[in-house]
Protein backbone atom coordinates (compact mmCIF):
# COMPACT_ATOMS: atom_id res chain seq x y z
CA MET A 1 -19.22 51.11 33.69
CA TYR A 2 -21.29 50.60 36.83
CA ALA A 3 -24.14 48.25 37.45
CA SER A 4 -27.55 49.76 38.05
CA GLY A 5 -28.82 49.75 41.56
CA GLY A 6 -26.56 51.56 44.06
CA LYS A 7 -23.69 49.10 44.31
CA ASP A 8 -20.55 49.76 42.33
CA THR A 9 -19.41 46.72 40.40
CA CYS A 10 -16.85 46.03 37.77
CA GLN A 11 -18.40 46.25 34.29
CA LEU A 12 -16.48 45.62 31.08
CA LEU A 13 -18.63 47.78 28.81
CA GLY A 14 -18.71 51.54 29.22
CA PRO A 15 -17.08 54.73 27.90
CA VAL A 16 -13.96 54.47 30.07
CA SER A 17 -13.32 50.81 29.30
CA LEU A 18 -13.93 51.34 25.57
CA PHE A 19 -11.46 54.23 25.58
CA VAL A 20 -8.70 52.28 27.29
CA GLN A 21 -9.30 49.32 24.94
CA THR A 22 -8.73 51.59 21.94
CA LEU A 23 -5.63 53.09 23.51
CA MET A 24 -4.39 49.58 24.30
CA GLY A 25 -4.66 48.52 20.65
CA MET A 26 -2.86 51.62 19.43
CA THR A 27 -0.01 51.03 21.88
CA ALA A 28 0.43 47.42 20.72
CA VAL A 29 0.63 48.57 17.07
CA VAL A 30 3.27 51.18 17.96
CA VAL A 31 5.34 48.52 19.73
CA LEU A 32 5.27 46.32 16.62
CA LEU A 33 6.17 49.28 14.42
CA VAL A 34 9.23 49.92 16.58
CA LYS A 35 10.05 46.21 16.40
CA ARG A 36 9.93 46.34 12.59
CA ASN A 37 12.44 49.20 12.48
CA TYR A 38 15.03 47.01 14.23
CA GLU A 39 14.53 43.94 12.02
CA HIS A 40 17.17 42.49 9.70
CA PRO A 41 16.00 42.01 7.07
CA ARG A 42 13.13 44.47 7.48
CA ARG A 43 9.74 43.60 6.08
CA LYS A 44 8.26 45.87 3.44
CA MET A 45 5.58 48.12 4.89
CA ILE A 46 2.76 46.39 3.03
CA VAL A 47 4.02 42.98 4.23
CA TRP A 48 4.26 44.26 7.80
CA GLY A 49 0.75 45.69 7.39
CA TYR A 50 -0.58 42.29 6.34
CA ASP A 51 1.16 40.61 9.29
CA ILE A 52 -0.15 43.12 11.80
CA GLY A 53 -3.56 43.03 10.11
CA LYS A 54 -3.87 39.33 10.91
CA GLN A 55 -3.11 40.02 14.56
CA ILE A 56 -5.47 42.99 14.83
CA ILE A 57 -8.41 41.19 13.24
CA GLY A 58 -7.75 38.06 15.26
CA SER A 59 -7.31 40.02 18.49
CA LEU A 60 -10.57 41.89 17.97
CA GLY A 61 -12.39 38.61 17.59
CA ILE A 62 -10.76 37.11 20.69
CA HIS A 63 -11.30 40.34 22.65
CA PHE A 64 -15.05 40.46 22.02
CA LEU A 65 -15.27 36.71 22.59
CA ASN A 66 -13.62 37.18 25.98
CA LEU A 67 -16.04 40.01 26.77
CA GLY A 68 -19.02 37.88 25.79
CA ILE A 69 -17.84 34.87 27.78
CA SER A 70 -17.17 37.04 30.84
CA ILE A 71 -20.61 38.70 30.74
CA LEU A 72 -22.46 35.46 30.03
CA LYS A 73 -20.53 33.75 32.81
CA LYS A 74 -21.83 36.29 35.32
CA ARG A 75 -25.40 36.10 34.06
CA ARG A 76 -25.35 32.32 34.34
CA LYS A 77 -24.15 32.57 37.93
CA LEU A 78 -26.87 35.10 38.73
CA LEU A 79 -29.53 32.75 37.31
CA PHE A 80 -27.99 29.60 38.77
CA PRO A 81 -26.01 30.68 41.86
CA THR A 82 -23.60 28.09 43.18
CA THR A 83 -22.38 30.05 46.18
CA ALA A 84 -24.10 32.02 48.87
CA ASN A 85 -21.41 34.58 49.57
CA GLY A 86 -22.64 37.09 46.98
CA ASP A 87 -19.19 37.72 45.54
CA ASP A 88 -20.21 37.25 41.90
CA ASP A 89 -20.23 40.97 41.14
CA GLU A 90 -16.56 40.92 40.24
CA ASP A 91 -16.79 37.82 38.03
CA GLN A 92 -16.73 39.79 34.77
CA CYS A 93 -13.35 41.36 35.47
CA ASP A 94 -11.96 38.20 37.08
CA TRP A 95 -12.98 35.99 34.18
CA TYR A 96 -11.79 38.46 31.56
CA PHE A 97 -8.46 38.80 33.36
CA LEU A 98 -8.03 35.02 33.50
CA ASN A 99 -8.85 34.64 29.81
CA LEU A 100 -6.40 37.40 28.96
CA LEU A 101 -3.67 35.88 31.12
CA LEU A 102 -3.96 32.42 29.55
CA ASP A 103 -4.40 33.77 26.01
CA THR A 104 -1.15 35.70 26.28
CA THR A 105 0.91 32.98 27.99
CA VAL A 106 -0.22 29.37 27.59
CA GLY A 107 -2.16 30.31 24.46
CA ILE A 108 0.95 31.31 22.49
CA PRO A 109 2.54 27.84 22.20
CA ILE A 110 -0.91 26.35 21.58
CA LEU A 111 -1.45 28.84 18.75
CA TRP A 112 1.99 28.12 17.28
CA LEU A 113 1.29 24.37 17.29
CA CYS A 114 -2.14 24.87 15.68
CA LEU A 115 -0.75 27.09 12.91
CA TYR A 116 2.12 24.69 12.27
CA ILE A 117 -0.19 21.69 11.93
CA ILE A 118 -2.73 23.54 9.77
CA GLU A 119 -0.05 24.81 7.39
CA LYS A 120 1.54 21.36 7.10
CA VAL A 121 -1.84 19.79 6.27
CA LEU A 122 -2.64 22.46 3.66
CA LYS A 123 0.79 22.08 2.07
CA PHE A 124 0.18 18.33 1.82
CA LEU A 125 -3.08 19.16 0.03
CA HIS A 126 -1.13 21.43 -2.38
CA PHE A 127 -2.71 24.74 -1.37
CA GLN A 128 -0.83 27.73 -2.74
CA ASN A 129 0.30 30.97 -1.04
CA ILE A 130 -0.20 29.77 2.53
CA GLU A 131 3.38 30.15 3.77
CA SER A 132 2.97 32.41 6.77
CA GLY A 133 4.39 35.87 6.12
CA ASN A 134 4.95 35.28 2.38
CA TYR A 135 2.43 37.23 0.32
CA PHE A 136 4.10 37.04 -3.08
CA PRO A 137 3.01 34.50 -5.72
CA SER A 138 4.53 31.07 -5.22
CA ARG A 139 4.99 30.83 -8.98
CA THR A 140 6.39 33.39 -11.39
CA VAL A 141 4.24 34.45 -14.34
CA ARG A 142 6.19 35.95 -17.21
CA SER A 143 5.59 39.56 -18.25
CA ARG A 144 3.66 40.26 -15.05
CA SER A 145 4.95 42.48 -12.29
CA ARG A 146 5.18 40.75 -8.94
CA LYS A 147 3.33 42.30 -6.04
CA PRO A 148 1.92 41.05 -2.72
CA LEU A 149 -1.32 39.14 -3.17
CA PHE A 150 -4.34 40.17 -1.13
CA SER A 151 -5.67 36.66 -1.68
CA ALA A 152 -2.60 35.27 0.10
CA PHE A 153 -3.35 37.56 3.04
CA VAL A 154 -6.96 36.34 3.16
CA LYS A 155 -5.87 32.68 3.11
CA GLN A 156 -3.34 33.23 5.88
CA LEU A 157 -5.86 35.29 7.87
CA LEU A 158 -8.35 32.42 7.75
CA ILE A 159 -5.66 30.00 8.90
CA PHE A 160 -4.76 32.38 11.73
CA ILE A 161 -8.39 32.75 12.83
CA VAL A 162 -8.88 28.97 12.86
CA GLY A 163 -5.73 28.62 14.96
CA LEU A 164 -6.99 31.29 17.37
CA GLY A 165 -10.33 29.54 17.62
CA VAL A 166 -8.72 26.22 18.56
CA MET A 167 -6.48 28.01 21.06
CA LYS A 168 -9.49 29.75 22.61
CA ILE A 169 -11.32 26.43 23.02
CA CYS A 170 -8.30 24.97 24.80
CA VAL A 171 -8.04 27.98 27.12
CA PHE A 172 -11.76 27.88 27.89
CA LEU A 173 -11.59 24.16 28.75
CA VAL A 174 -8.63 24.75 31.06
CA LEU A 175 -10.45 27.57 32.86
CA ASN A 176 -13.71 25.65 33.02
CA TYR A 177 -12.15 22.56 34.60
CA LEU A 178 -9.93 24.57 36.96
CA GLU A 179 -12.53 27.23 37.73
CA GLU A 180 -12.15 27.31 41.51
CA TRP A 181 -8.38 27.59 41.32
CA ALA A 182 -8.69 30.19 38.58
CA TYR A 183 -11.01 32.42 40.62
CA TRP A 184 -8.75 32.04 43.64
CA PHE A 185 -5.82 33.23 41.55
CA ALA A 186 -7.82 36.14 40.09
CA ASP A 187 -8.94 37.19 43.56
CA LEU A 188 -5.33 37.03 44.71
CA ILE A 189 -4.29 39.41 41.94
CA LEU A 190 -7.36 41.67 41.76
CA GLY A 191 -9.16 41.27 45.10
CA TRP A 192 -7.47 44.25 46.73
CA SER A 193 -9.03 46.56 44.11
CA ASP A 194 -12.66 45.41 44.56
CA SER A 195 -13.48 48.58 46.49
CA TRP A 196 -12.50 50.71 43.48
CA PRO A 197 -14.32 49.21 40.47
CA ASN A 198 -13.30 52.09 38.21
CA PHE A 199 -9.64 51.44 39.02
CA GLN A 200 -10.16 47.69 38.66
CA VAL A 201 -11.48 48.16 35.13
CA PHE A 202 -8.42 50.33 34.45
CA LEU A 203 -6.17 47.49 35.64
CA VAL A 204 -8.03 44.73 33.83
CA MET A 205 -8.70 46.61 30.60
CA PHE A 206 -5.54 48.72 30.32
CA VAL A 207 -2.56 48.01 32.58
CA PHE A 208 -2.58 44.21 32.36
CA PRO A 209 -3.61 44.13 28.67
CA ILE A 210 -0.88 46.63 27.76
CA LEU A 211 1.79 44.47 29.38
CA LEU A 212 0.39 41.10 28.35
CA ASN A 213 -0.78 42.10 24.86
CA CYS A 214 2.52 43.72 23.96
CA PHE A 215 4.24 40.52 25.03
CA GLN A 216 1.72 38.45 23.05
CA TYR A 217 1.90 40.64 19.93
CA PHE A 218 5.69 40.50 20.01
CA CYS A 219 5.76 36.70 20.33
CA VAL A 220 2.99 36.03 17.80
CA ASP A 221 4.61 38.42 15.33
CA ASN A 222 7.72 36.25 15.52
CA VAL A 223 5.56 33.20 14.85
CA ILE A 224 3.65 34.47 11.81
CA ARG A 225 6.35 36.56 10.11
CA LEU A 226 8.60 35.09 7.43
CA HIS A 227 11.94 34.20 8.92
CA SER A 228 15.31 34.86 7.36
CA GLU A 229 16.17 31.16 7.78
CA SER A 230 13.39 30.36 5.29
CA LEU A 231 14.48 32.84 2.61
CA THR A 232 14.32 31.77 -1.03
CA LEU A 233 14.59 33.74 -4.23
CA THR A 234 10.81 34.04 -4.28
CA ASN A 235 9.90 35.01 -0.74
CA ALA A 236 12.88 37.36 -0.31
CA GLU A 237 10.71 39.92 -2.11
CA ASN A 238 8.81 40.38 1.15
CA PHE A 239 11.78 42.29 2.57
CA GLU A 240 13.52 45.56 1.82
CA THR A 241 16.64 44.61 -0.13
CA ASN A 242 18.87 47.22 1.52
CA THR A 243 18.29 45.70 4.98
CA PHE A 244 19.70 42.22 4.27
CA LEU A 245 22.75 41.12 6.20
CA ASN A 246 25.46 39.34 4.24
CA ASN A 247 24.58 35.92 5.63
CA GLU A 248 20.85 36.41 4.89
CA ILE A 249 21.04 37.05 1.14
CA PRO A 250 19.56 34.07 -0.75
CA ASP A 251 22.09 32.05 -2.75
CA LEU A 252 21.50 32.96 -6.38
CA SER A 253 23.34 29.83 -7.49
CA GLU A 254 20.39 27.78 -6.28
CA ALA A 255 18.07 29.38 -8.82
CA SER A 256 16.08 26.98 -10.86
CA ALA A 257 17.04 26.55 -14.50
CA GLU A 258 13.38 26.96 -15.39
CA ALA A 259 13.39 30.61 -14.34
CA PRO A 260 14.86 32.55 -17.27
CA ASN A 261 12.76 35.62 -16.46
CA LYS A 262 14.22 38.76 -15.01
CA ASP A 263 13.16 37.91 -11.44
CA ASN A 264 15.01 34.55 -11.32
CA ASN A 265 12.40 33.30 -8.88
CA ILE A 266 11.79 29.77 -7.74
CA SER A 267 8.81 28.29 -5.97
CA SER A 268 9.43 27.27 -2.39
CA TYR A 269 7.61 26.84 0.89
CA GLY A 270 8.99 27.25 4.37
CA SER A 271 7.60 26.55 7.81
CA ILE A 272 5.99 29.03 10.16
CA ILE A 273 8.88 28.89 12.57
């Protein structure tokens, strides 16, 4: 957690920071589990698991990318110093905090727009099973039991990761072009804790992430889940039937005449939102 050499500095890798990162992730998952219990209709556990799986995998990638960028940013400044005040020791925490702040605020609408565009393009190209939050087959096959497709999860995970990647590029460009203002803002928020690097890591890697990540997870979960407004006879299978409200039950009269099987399913796509 501390830099070698006698001076305490904020480091993002160490036993304490790794512990609080793990605790942070567990807390975010618990928040989403509580959120699921209050949903109408409520997603089946396996569907919720797929949705949260996309966020966890994507967040891990973004988290380690933020760590890498923060550490490399400091090393670059040490090799090519641009200031003479010697205040670069706190850059890792400052830069990580700024990335986290933008990822969980400005990054959310950017991510939504990216996912929306990607899904629209793939639908135009006739890709199957890419409707966000719908993991059941888009077509019914007679005499086969219907179950969530892992392949649909993989496709949607790839779409989600691409969207996160584009979002991260946008956030990095914003920070890079507004670097002086960004560091001023970070120093305004974190500067008072520079004398206590252990506590600063606790703030940057636990307190702020808990608040911001729970907010981000909640918002992104609403983006990637299947919405009741998009319910059809096919994708309604993603939900527990006993949790539907009266105005959310799909209209059976709209069933396609080509679906004489016992499921009475039709093929339909909805949007992410």
